[in-house]
C-alpha cells in the first residue's frame, strides 16, 4: 500500500503546472534530439544535464526522463519515413516500417510504432514498480561472499567471451584484450 501512496504522490507532483511545463519541454527536446542525425538519446540527456543543476530534483528528473522516453519513440520517425535510424534500436524499423512507407502506409507504421513504444513503456514501468522493493531488499542483504561471486561470475563471462571471440578482439602486436 505504501508503494501506491508514493506512486499517486508522484503523479500529483508531475501534474503540477511547473512540473508539467518541464515535462512538455523534455518531450519536445527528446523528440528533437532523436530526429536530428548524429545525436543519440544518451548524448541528448548528457547535454541537458548541466541545465538540471539549478533545478530541483523533481524537475530535473522529469526533464531527463521525458527526454529519454520521447526520444525512444521519436527515433522511429526517421527510421520509418527516411530509412535513417537514429539509434541502433531503430534498425529493425527499417525492415518493415520503411517498406510500409513505400507502400503508402507511413501513418499506420508510425501508429504501430507508437503503440508498441507505449505498451513497452507502461509494462516496464509497472514491472519496475512491482519489483523495486523486493530487488532492493535482496541487494541490501548481500555481503562479501555474494559480491565475490558476482565479480567472479562477471570476470569468468568476460574471459569466456574473449576466448570465443579472441580473433575479433585481437591486437596484432599484443594479442587478445
N, C-alpha and C. Protein backbone atom coordinates (compact mmCIF):
# COMPACT_ATOMS: atom_id res chain seq x y z
N UNK A 1 0.83 -1.19 0.00
CA UNK A 1 0.00 0.00 0.00
C UNK A 1 0.87 1.26 0.00
N UNK A 2 2.04 1.15 0.63
CA UNK A 2 2.94 2.29 0.69
C UNK A 2 3.44 2.67 -0.72
N UNK A 3 3.61 1.66 -1.56
CA UNK A 3 4.07 1.91 -2.93
C UNK A 3 3.02 2.71 -3.70
N UNK A 4 1.76 2.37 -3.53
CA UNK A 4 0.70 3.10 -4.23
C UNK A 4 0.60 4.54 -3.75
N UNK A 5 0.81 4.76 -2.46
CA UNK A 5 0.80 6.13 -1.93
C UNK A 5 1.87 6.97 -2.61
N UNK A 6 3.07 6.41 -2.70
CA UNK A 6 4.16 7.14 -3.35
C UNK A 6 3.91 7.31 -4.85
N UNK A 7 3.30 6.31 -5.47
CA UNK A 7 3.00 6.40 -6.90
C UNK A 7 2.01 7.53 -7.18
N UNK A 8 0.94 7.60 -6.41
CA UNK A 8 -0.04 8.66 -6.61
C UNK A 8 0.52 10.03 -6.24
N UNK A 9 1.40 10.07 -5.24
CA UNK A 9 2.08 11.32 -4.90
C UNK A 9 2.96 11.80 -6.04
N UNK A 10 3.64 10.87 -6.71
CA UNK A 10 4.46 11.23 -7.86
C UNK A 10 3.63 11.73 -9.03
N UNK A 11 2.48 11.10 -9.25
CA UNK A 11 1.60 11.54 -10.33
C UNK A 11 1.10 12.95 -10.06
N UNK A 12 0.73 13.24 -8.81
CA UNK A 12 0.28 14.59 -8.46
C UNK A 12 1.40 15.61 -8.62
N UNK A 13 2.62 15.20 -8.31
CA UNK A 13 3.77 16.10 -8.49
C UNK A 13 3.96 16.45 -9.96
N UNK A 14 3.89 15.46 -10.83
CA UNK A 14 4.09 15.70 -12.26
C UNK A 14 2.99 16.57 -12.83
N UNK A 15 1.79 16.49 -12.28
CA UNK A 15 0.67 17.26 -12.81
C UNK A 15 0.62 18.70 -12.30
N UNK A 16 1.54 19.09 -11.42
CA UNK A 16 1.59 20.50 -11.01
C UNK A 16 2.04 21.33 -12.21
N UNK A 17 1.63 22.60 -12.30
CA UNK A 17 1.90 23.40 -13.52
C UNK A 17 3.37 23.50 -13.90
N UNK A 18 4.24 23.76 -12.94
CA UNK A 18 5.66 23.92 -13.26
C UNK A 18 6.25 22.60 -13.76
N UNK A 19 5.95 21.52 -13.05
CA UNK A 19 6.48 20.22 -13.45
C UNK A 19 5.91 19.77 -14.79
N UNK A 20 4.65 20.09 -15.04
CA UNK A 20 4.04 19.71 -16.31
C UNK A 20 4.69 20.47 -17.46
N UNK A 21 5.04 21.74 -17.24
CA UNK A 21 5.74 22.52 -18.26
C UNK A 21 7.12 21.92 -18.54
N UNK A 22 7.82 21.53 -17.48
CA UNK A 22 9.13 20.88 -17.65
C UNK A 22 8.97 19.57 -18.41
N UNK A 23 7.90 18.83 -18.14
CA UNK A 23 7.62 17.59 -18.85
C UNK A 23 7.43 17.84 -20.34
N UNK A 24 6.66 18.86 -20.69
CA UNK A 24 6.44 19.18 -22.10
C UNK A 24 7.74 19.61 -22.79
N UNK A 25 8.55 20.41 -22.10
CA UNK A 25 9.84 20.82 -22.66
C UNK A 25 10.73 19.60 -22.89
N UNK A 26 10.74 18.68 -21.93
CA UNK A 26 11.53 17.45 -22.09
C UNK A 26 11.05 16.59 -23.24
N UNK A 27 9.73 16.52 -23.43
CA UNK A 27 9.19 15.74 -24.55
C UNK A 27 9.64 16.32 -25.88
N UNK A 28 9.56 17.64 -26.01
CA UNK A 28 9.95 18.29 -27.27
C UNK A 28 11.45 18.14 -27.50
N UNK A 29 12.26 18.38 -26.47
CA UNK A 29 13.71 18.26 -26.63
C UNK A 29 14.11 16.83 -26.98
N UNK A 30 13.48 15.86 -26.34
CA UNK A 30 13.79 14.46 -26.64
C UNK A 30 13.46 14.10 -28.07
N UNK A 31 12.34 14.59 -28.56
CA UNK A 31 11.97 14.31 -29.95
C UNK A 31 12.95 14.99 -30.91
N UNK A 32 13.36 16.21 -30.60
CA UNK A 32 14.32 16.91 -31.47
C UNK A 32 15.66 16.19 -31.51
N UNK A 33 16.13 15.76 -30.35
CA UNK A 33 17.42 15.07 -30.29
C UNK A 33 17.36 13.76 -31.07
N UNK A 34 16.25 13.04 -30.94
CA UNK A 34 16.15 11.74 -31.61
C UNK A 34 16.01 11.88 -33.12
N UNK A 35 15.42 12.96 -33.58
CA UNK A 35 15.21 13.15 -35.02
C UNK A 35 16.47 13.68 -35.69
N UNK A 36 17.28 14.45 -34.97
CA UNK A 36 18.49 15.02 -35.57
C UNK A 36 19.54 13.94 -35.82
N UNK A 37 20.11 13.91 -37.01
CA UNK A 37 21.13 12.89 -37.29
C UNK A 37 22.42 13.19 -36.53
N UNK A 38 23.06 12.15 -36.06
CA UNK A 38 24.32 12.30 -35.37
C UNK A 38 24.21 12.45 -33.87
N UNK A 39 23.01 12.71 -33.36
CA UNK A 39 22.82 12.80 -31.92
C UNK A 39 22.07 11.57 -31.43
N UNK A 40 22.52 11.01 -30.33
CA UNK A 40 21.84 9.87 -29.74
C UNK A 40 21.08 10.33 -28.50
N UNK A 41 20.24 9.45 -27.98
CA UNK A 41 19.49 9.80 -26.77
C UNK A 41 20.41 10.07 -25.59
N UNK A 42 21.43 9.26 -25.47
CA UNK A 42 22.36 9.45 -24.35
C UNK A 42 23.05 10.80 -24.48
N UNK A 43 23.45 11.17 -25.69
CA UNK A 43 24.07 12.49 -25.89
C UNK A 43 23.11 13.60 -25.51
N UNK A 44 21.86 13.47 -25.90
CA UNK A 44 20.87 14.49 -25.58
C UNK A 44 20.66 14.64 -24.09
N UNK A 45 20.59 13.52 -23.39
CA UNK A 45 20.41 13.58 -21.93
C UNK A 45 21.65 14.19 -21.28
N UNK A 46 22.83 13.82 -21.76
CA UNK A 46 24.06 14.38 -21.20
C UNK A 46 24.16 15.87 -21.49
N UNK A 47 23.74 16.30 -22.68
CA UNK A 47 23.76 17.73 -23.00
C UNK A 47 22.77 18.51 -22.15
N UNK A 48 21.67 17.89 -21.75
CA UNK A 48 20.67 18.57 -20.92
C UNK A 48 21.03 18.53 -19.44
N UNK A 49 21.95 17.67 -19.07
CA UNK A 49 22.28 17.51 -17.65
C UNK A 49 22.75 18.79 -16.97
N UNK A 50 23.61 19.62 -17.57
CA UNK A 50 24.02 20.86 -16.89
C UNK A 50 22.86 21.81 -16.59
N UNK A 51 21.82 21.78 -17.40
CA UNK A 51 20.67 22.66 -17.16
C UNK A 51 19.87 22.21 -15.94
N UNK A 52 20.05 20.99 -15.51
CA UNK A 52 19.29 20.49 -14.36
C UNK A 52 19.97 20.83 -13.03
N UNK A 53 21.20 21.34 -13.07
CA UNK A 53 21.91 21.61 -11.81
C UNK A 53 21.21 22.69 -10.98
N UNK A 54 20.63 23.67 -11.62
CA UNK A 54 19.94 24.74 -10.89
C UNK A 54 18.48 24.40 -10.61
N UNK A 55 17.98 23.32 -11.20
CA UNK A 55 16.60 22.88 -10.93
C UNK A 55 16.58 22.07 -9.65
N UNK A 56 15.40 21.82 -9.16
CA UNK A 56 15.26 20.90 -8.05
C UNK A 56 15.40 19.47 -8.56
N UNK A 57 15.35 18.53 -7.63
CA UNK A 57 15.47 17.12 -8.01
C UNK A 57 14.29 16.70 -8.89
N UNK A 58 13.08 17.08 -8.50
CA UNK A 58 11.88 16.69 -9.25
C UNK A 58 11.89 17.17 -10.68
N UNK A 59 12.02 18.48 -10.92
CA UNK A 59 12.03 18.96 -12.31
C UNK A 59 13.19 18.39 -13.13
N UNK A 60 14.34 18.22 -12.51
CA UNK A 60 15.48 17.67 -13.25
C UNK A 60 15.23 16.24 -13.71
N UNK A 61 14.72 15.41 -12.80
CA UNK A 61 14.42 14.03 -13.18
C UNK A 61 13.30 13.97 -14.21
N UNK A 62 12.31 14.83 -14.06
CA UNK A 62 11.21 14.85 -15.03
C UNK A 62 11.72 15.24 -16.41
N UNK A 63 12.59 16.25 -16.48
CA UNK A 63 13.13 16.69 -17.77
C UNK A 63 13.92 15.57 -18.45
N UNK A 64 14.84 14.95 -17.72
CA UNK A 64 15.69 13.93 -18.32
C UNK A 64 14.90 12.68 -18.69
N UNK A 65 13.96 12.29 -17.84
CA UNK A 65 13.14 11.11 -18.14
C UNK A 65 12.24 11.36 -19.34
N UNK A 66 11.65 12.55 -19.42
CA UNK A 66 10.79 12.87 -20.56
C UNK A 66 11.59 12.91 -21.85
N UNK A 67 12.80 13.44 -21.79
CA UNK A 67 13.64 13.47 -22.98
C UNK A 67 13.93 12.06 -23.47
N UNK A 68 14.30 11.19 -22.55
CA UNK A 68 14.66 9.83 -22.95
C UNK A 68 13.44 9.07 -23.46
N UNK A 69 12.31 9.21 -22.78
CA UNK A 69 11.11 8.46 -23.17
C UNK A 69 10.60 8.91 -24.53
N UNK A 70 10.54 10.22 -24.77
CA UNK A 70 10.04 10.68 -26.07
C UNK A 70 11.05 10.40 -27.18
N UNK A 71 12.32 10.47 -26.85
CA UNK A 71 13.34 10.17 -27.85
C UNK A 71 13.36 8.72 -28.27
N UNK A 72 12.97 7.84 -27.36
CA UNK A 72 12.89 6.43 -27.70
C UNK A 72 11.90 6.20 -28.82
N UNK A 73 10.77 6.89 -28.76
CA UNK A 73 9.79 6.76 -29.84
C UNK A 73 10.20 7.57 -31.07
N UNK A 74 10.71 8.77 -30.87
CA UNK A 74 10.96 9.67 -32.00
C UNK A 74 12.02 9.14 -32.95
N UNK A 75 12.90 8.28 -32.47
CA UNK A 75 13.87 7.67 -33.37
C UNK A 75 13.21 6.83 -34.45
N UNK A 76 12.00 6.36 -34.16
CA UNK A 76 11.26 5.57 -35.15
C UNK A 76 10.80 6.43 -36.32
N UNK A 77 10.62 7.70 -36.10
CA UNK A 77 10.11 8.58 -37.16
C UNK A 77 11.07 8.61 -38.34
N UNK A 78 12.35 8.86 -38.07
CA UNK A 78 13.31 8.91 -39.17
C UNK A 78 13.56 7.54 -39.76
N UNK A 79 13.50 6.50 -38.94
CA UNK A 79 13.69 5.15 -39.48
C UNK A 79 12.57 4.77 -40.43
N UNK A 80 11.35 5.07 -40.04
CA UNK A 80 10.20 4.68 -40.85
C UNK A 80 10.05 5.57 -42.08
N UNK A 81 10.20 6.87 -41.92
CA UNK A 81 9.94 7.77 -43.03
C UNK A 81 11.12 7.92 -44.00
N UNK A 82 12.35 7.95 -43.47
CA UNK A 82 13.50 8.27 -44.31
C UNK A 82 14.54 7.16 -44.41
N UNK A 83 14.32 6.06 -43.70
CA UNK A 83 15.25 4.93 -43.65
C UNK A 83 16.61 5.35 -43.10
N UNK A 84 16.57 6.19 -42.08
CA UNK A 84 17.78 6.64 -41.40
C UNK A 84 17.59 6.39 -39.91
N UNK A 85 18.17 5.34 -39.36
CA UNK A 85 17.99 5.08 -37.93
C UNK A 85 18.83 6.04 -37.10
N UNK A 86 18.23 6.57 -36.04
CA UNK A 86 18.97 7.45 -35.15
C UNK A 86 19.73 6.68 -34.09
N UNK A 87 19.24 5.52 -33.74
CA UNK A 87 19.84 4.67 -32.71
C UNK A 87 19.92 3.24 -33.24
N UNK A 88 20.80 2.43 -32.69
CA UNK A 88 20.83 1.02 -33.10
C UNK A 88 19.50 0.30 -32.86
N UNK A 89 18.76 0.72 -31.84
CA UNK A 89 17.49 0.05 -31.56
C UNK A 89 16.43 0.37 -32.61
N UNK A 90 16.68 1.34 -33.47
CA UNK A 90 15.73 1.69 -34.52
C UNK A 90 15.98 0.95 -35.83
N UNK A 91 17.04 0.19 -35.91
CA UNK A 91 17.36 -0.52 -37.16
C UNK A 91 16.27 -1.51 -37.56
N UNK A 92 15.68 -2.30 -36.66
CA UNK A 92 14.61 -3.21 -37.11
C UNK A 92 13.42 -2.49 -37.74
N UNK A 93 13.21 -1.24 -37.39
CA UNK A 93 12.11 -0.50 -38.00
C UNK A 93 12.35 -0.24 -39.49
N UNK A 94 13.60 -0.28 -39.89
CA UNK A 94 13.91 -0.09 -41.31
C UNK A 94 13.29 -1.18 -42.17
N UNK A 95 13.33 -2.40 -41.67
CA UNK A 95 12.92 -3.54 -42.48
C UNK A 95 11.43 -3.49 -42.80
N UNK A 96 10.60 -3.30 -41.79
CA UNK A 96 9.16 -3.30 -42.03
C UNK A 96 8.58 -1.90 -42.17
N UNK A 97 9.04 -0.98 -41.33
CA UNK A 97 8.47 0.36 -41.33
C UNK A 97 8.69 1.11 -42.63
N UNK A 98 9.91 1.05 -43.14
CA UNK A 98 10.18 1.77 -44.38
C UNK A 98 9.46 1.13 -45.56
N UNK A 99 9.33 -0.18 -45.53
CA UNK A 99 8.58 -0.85 -46.60
C UNK A 99 7.12 -0.43 -46.57
N UNK A 100 6.56 -0.25 -45.38
CA UNK A 100 5.18 0.23 -45.28
C UNK A 100 5.08 1.66 -45.81
N UNK A 101 6.10 2.47 -45.56
CA UNK A 101 6.11 3.84 -46.08
C UNK A 101 6.12 3.83 -47.60
N UNK A 102 6.91 2.96 -48.19
CA UNK A 102 6.97 2.87 -49.65
C UNK A 102 5.63 2.44 -50.24
N UNK A 103 4.84 1.71 -49.46
CA UNK A 103 3.52 1.26 -49.93
C UNK A 103 2.42 2.26 -49.58
N UNK A 104 2.79 3.42 -49.03
CA UNK A 104 1.80 4.43 -48.69
C UNK A 104 1.15 4.24 -47.34
N UNK A 105 1.74 3.44 -46.47
CA UNK A 105 1.17 3.17 -45.15
C UNK A 105 2.05 3.74 -44.03
N UNK A 106 2.61 4.92 -44.24
CA UNK A 106 3.51 5.52 -43.25
C UNK A 106 2.78 5.81 -41.95
N UNK A 107 1.56 6.32 -42.03
CA UNK A 107 0.81 6.64 -40.80
C UNK A 107 0.53 5.38 -39.99
N UNK A 108 0.23 4.30 -40.67
CA UNK A 108 -0.02 3.04 -39.98
C UNK A 108 1.25 2.54 -39.30
N UNK A 109 2.39 2.64 -39.98
CA UNK A 109 3.66 2.21 -39.41
C UNK A 109 4.03 3.05 -38.19
N UNK A 110 3.85 4.37 -38.30
CA UNK A 110 4.14 5.24 -37.16
C UNK A 110 3.19 4.96 -36.00
N UNK A 111 1.93 4.69 -36.31
CA UNK A 111 0.96 4.38 -35.26
C UNK A 111 1.29 3.10 -34.53
N UNK A 112 1.66 2.06 -35.27
CA UNK A 112 2.04 0.80 -34.63
C UNK A 112 3.31 0.98 -33.80
N UNK A 113 4.23 1.77 -34.29
CA UNK A 113 5.45 2.02 -33.54
C UNK A 113 5.15 2.77 -32.24
N UNK A 114 4.25 3.76 -32.32
CA UNK A 114 3.85 4.49 -31.12
C UNK A 114 3.16 3.56 -30.13
N UNK A 115 2.29 2.70 -30.62
CA UNK A 115 1.58 1.77 -29.74
C UNK A 115 2.56 0.80 -29.06
N UNK A 116 3.51 0.28 -29.82
CA UNK A 116 4.49 -0.64 -29.25
C UNK A 116 5.35 0.07 -28.21
N UNK A 117 5.74 1.30 -28.49
CA UNK A 117 6.54 2.07 -27.54
C UNK A 117 5.75 2.35 -26.26
N UNK A 118 4.47 2.69 -26.42
CA UNK A 118 3.61 2.97 -25.27
C UNK A 118 3.42 1.72 -24.41
N UNK A 119 3.08 0.61 -25.04
CA UNK A 119 2.85 -0.63 -24.28
C UNK A 119 4.13 -1.08 -23.59
N UNK A 120 5.26 -1.01 -24.29
CA UNK A 120 6.53 -1.38 -23.67
C UNK A 120 6.91 -0.48 -22.51
N UNK A 121 6.67 0.82 -22.65
CA UNK A 121 6.97 1.75 -21.57
C UNK A 121 6.10 1.53 -20.35
N UNK A 122 4.80 1.32 -20.57
CA UNK A 122 3.90 1.08 -19.44
C UNK A 122 4.23 -0.25 -18.77
N UNK A 123 4.46 -1.29 -19.56
CA UNK A 123 4.77 -2.60 -18.98
C UNK A 123 6.06 -2.56 -18.17
N UNK A 124 7.08 -1.87 -18.67
CA UNK A 124 8.34 -1.80 -17.93
C UNK A 124 8.19 -0.94 -16.68
N UNK A 125 7.38 0.11 -16.73
CA UNK A 125 7.17 0.93 -15.53
C UNK A 125 6.42 0.14 -14.46
N UNK A 126 5.41 -0.62 -14.87
CA UNK A 126 4.68 -1.45 -13.90
C UNK A 126 5.61 -2.50 -13.30
N UNK A 127 6.43 -3.12 -14.13
CA UNK A 127 7.36 -4.13 -13.63
C UNK A 127 8.38 -3.51 -12.67
N UNK A 128 8.86 -2.30 -12.99
CA UNK A 128 9.81 -1.65 -12.11
C UNK A 128 9.19 -1.33 -10.76
N UNK A 129 7.95 -0.82 -10.77
CA UNK A 129 7.28 -0.50 -9.51
C UNK A 129 7.06 -1.77 -8.70
N UNK A 130 6.68 -2.85 -9.37
CA UNK A 130 6.40 -4.09 -8.67
C UNK A 130 7.66 -4.75 -8.12
N UNK A 131 8.78 -4.62 -8.82
CA UNK A 131 9.98 -5.35 -8.43
C UNK A 131 11.01 -4.51 -7.67
N UNK A 132 10.82 -3.21 -7.56
CA UNK A 132 11.84 -2.36 -6.94
C UNK A 132 12.09 -2.74 -5.49
N UNK A 133 11.04 -2.90 -4.73
CA UNK A 133 11.22 -3.20 -3.30
C UNK A 133 11.84 -4.57 -3.06
N UNK A 134 11.35 -5.66 -3.69
CA UNK A 134 11.99 -6.96 -3.45
C UNK A 134 13.45 -7.00 -3.90
N UNK A 135 13.75 -6.39 -5.03
CA UNK A 135 15.14 -6.40 -5.51
C UNK A 135 16.03 -5.57 -4.58
N UNK A 136 15.52 -4.45 -4.08
CA UNK A 136 16.31 -3.64 -3.15
C UNK A 136 16.59 -4.40 -1.86
N UNK A 137 15.60 -5.11 -1.33
CA UNK A 137 15.82 -5.91 -0.12
C UNK A 137 16.86 -7.00 -0.37
N UNK A 138 16.78 -7.64 -1.53
CA UNK A 138 17.74 -8.68 -1.84
C UNK A 138 19.15 -8.10 -1.98
N UNK A 139 19.27 -6.96 -2.66
CA UNK A 139 20.59 -6.35 -2.86
C UNK A 139 21.20 -5.89 -1.54
N UNK A 140 20.37 -5.38 -0.64
CA UNK A 140 20.89 -4.92 0.65
C UNK A 140 21.30 -6.07 1.56
N UNK A 141 20.84 -7.28 1.26
CA UNK A 141 21.23 -8.42 2.09
C UNK A 141 22.54 -9.05 1.62
N UNK A 142 23.13 -8.55 0.53
CA UNK A 142 24.39 -9.09 0.04
C UNK A 142 25.52 -8.76 1.01
N UNK A 143 26.46 -9.69 1.12
CA UNK A 143 27.66 -9.46 1.91
C UNK A 143 28.86 -9.86 1.05
N UNK A 144 30.01 -9.99 1.66
CA UNK A 144 31.24 -10.24 0.90
C UNK A 144 31.19 -11.48 0.01
N UNK A 145 30.70 -12.63 0.48
CA UNK A 145 30.68 -13.80 -0.42
C UNK A 145 29.84 -13.59 -1.68
N UNK A 146 28.70 -12.92 -1.53
CA UNK A 146 27.86 -12.69 -2.70
C UNK A 146 28.52 -11.73 -3.69
N UNK A 147 29.16 -10.67 -3.16
CA UNK A 147 29.86 -9.74 -4.04
C UNK A 147 31.01 -10.44 -4.77
N UNK A 148 31.73 -11.30 -4.04
CA UNK A 148 32.80 -12.06 -4.68
C UNK A 148 32.25 -12.94 -5.79
N UNK A 149 31.14 -13.61 -5.53
CA UNK A 149 30.55 -14.50 -6.54
C UNK A 149 30.12 -13.71 -7.78
N UNK A 150 29.54 -12.53 -7.58
CA UNK A 150 29.10 -11.72 -8.72
C UNK A 150 30.30 -11.25 -9.54
N UNK A 151 31.35 -10.76 -8.86
CA UNK A 151 32.54 -10.30 -9.57
C UNK A 151 33.22 -11.47 -10.29
N UNK A 152 33.32 -12.61 -9.61
CA UNK A 152 33.93 -13.78 -10.23
C UNK A 152 33.15 -14.23 -11.46
N UNK A 153 31.83 -14.24 -11.35
CA UNK A 153 30.99 -14.62 -12.49
C UNK A 153 31.18 -13.65 -13.66
N UNK A 154 31.23 -12.35 -13.38
CA UNK A 154 31.44 -11.37 -14.43
C UNK A 154 32.79 -11.53 -15.11
N UNK A 155 33.84 -11.74 -14.32
CA UNK A 155 35.16 -11.93 -14.91
C UNK A 155 35.23 -13.23 -15.70
N UNK A 156 34.57 -14.27 -15.20
CA UNK A 156 34.52 -15.54 -15.92
C UNK A 156 33.82 -15.39 -17.27
N UNK A 157 32.71 -14.68 -17.28
CA UNK A 157 31.98 -14.49 -18.53
C UNK A 157 32.78 -13.65 -19.52
N UNK A 158 33.50 -12.65 -19.02
CA UNK A 158 34.33 -11.86 -19.92
C UNK A 158 35.45 -12.71 -20.50
N UNK A 159 36.04 -13.54 -19.67
CA UNK A 159 37.09 -14.43 -20.15
C UNK A 159 36.58 -15.41 -21.19
N UNK A 160 35.39 -15.94 -20.97
CA UNK A 160 34.80 -16.86 -21.94
C UNK A 160 34.50 -16.15 -23.26
N UNK A 161 34.00 -14.91 -23.18
CA UNK A 161 33.70 -14.16 -24.41
C UNK A 161 34.97 -13.87 -25.19
N UNK A 162 36.03 -13.48 -24.50
CA UNK A 162 37.29 -13.20 -25.19
C UNK A 162 37.87 -14.48 -25.76
N UNK A 163 37.70 -15.60 -25.06
CA UNK A 163 38.19 -16.88 -25.57
C UNK A 163 37.48 -17.28 -26.84
N UNK A 164 36.17 -17.09 -26.90
CA UNK A 164 35.40 -17.45 -28.10
C UNK A 164 35.62 -16.46 -29.22
N UNK A 165 35.77 -15.20 -28.86
CA UNK A 165 35.88 -14.15 -29.87
C UNK A 165 37.28 -13.57 -29.92
N UNK A 166 38.26 -14.36 -29.53
CA UNK A 166 39.62 -13.86 -29.43
C UNK A 166 40.14 -13.26 -30.71
N UNK A 167 39.79 -13.84 -31.84
CA UNK A 167 40.26 -13.31 -33.11
C UNK A 167 39.70 -11.94 -33.41
N UNK A 168 38.48 -11.68 -32.97
CA UNK A 168 37.87 -10.38 -33.24
C UNK A 168 38.44 -9.29 -32.35
N UNK A 169 38.85 -9.67 -31.14
CA UNK A 169 39.39 -8.68 -30.21
C UNK A 169 40.92 -8.64 -30.24
N UNK A 170 41.52 -9.37 -31.14
CA UNK A 170 42.97 -9.50 -31.14
C UNK A 170 43.63 -8.23 -31.65
N UNK A 171 44.69 -7.86 -30.96
CA UNK A 171 45.56 -6.78 -31.40
C UNK A 171 46.76 -7.44 -32.07
N UNK A 172 47.19 -6.93 -33.18
CA UNK A 172 48.25 -7.58 -33.94
C UNK A 172 49.57 -7.65 -33.16
N UNK A 173 49.81 -6.70 -32.27
CA UNK A 173 51.09 -6.69 -31.56
C UNK A 173 51.01 -7.30 -30.16
N UNK A 174 49.85 -7.18 -29.49
CA UNK A 174 49.77 -7.62 -28.11
C UNK A 174 48.83 -8.80 -27.88
N UNK A 175 48.15 -9.29 -28.87
CA UNK A 175 47.25 -10.42 -28.72
C UNK A 175 45.87 -9.97 -28.27
N UNK A 176 45.03 -10.93 -27.84
CA UNK A 176 43.66 -10.58 -27.44
C UNK A 176 43.64 -9.67 -26.22
N UNK A 177 42.60 -8.83 -26.13
CA UNK A 177 42.49 -7.93 -24.98
C UNK A 177 41.92 -8.65 -23.79
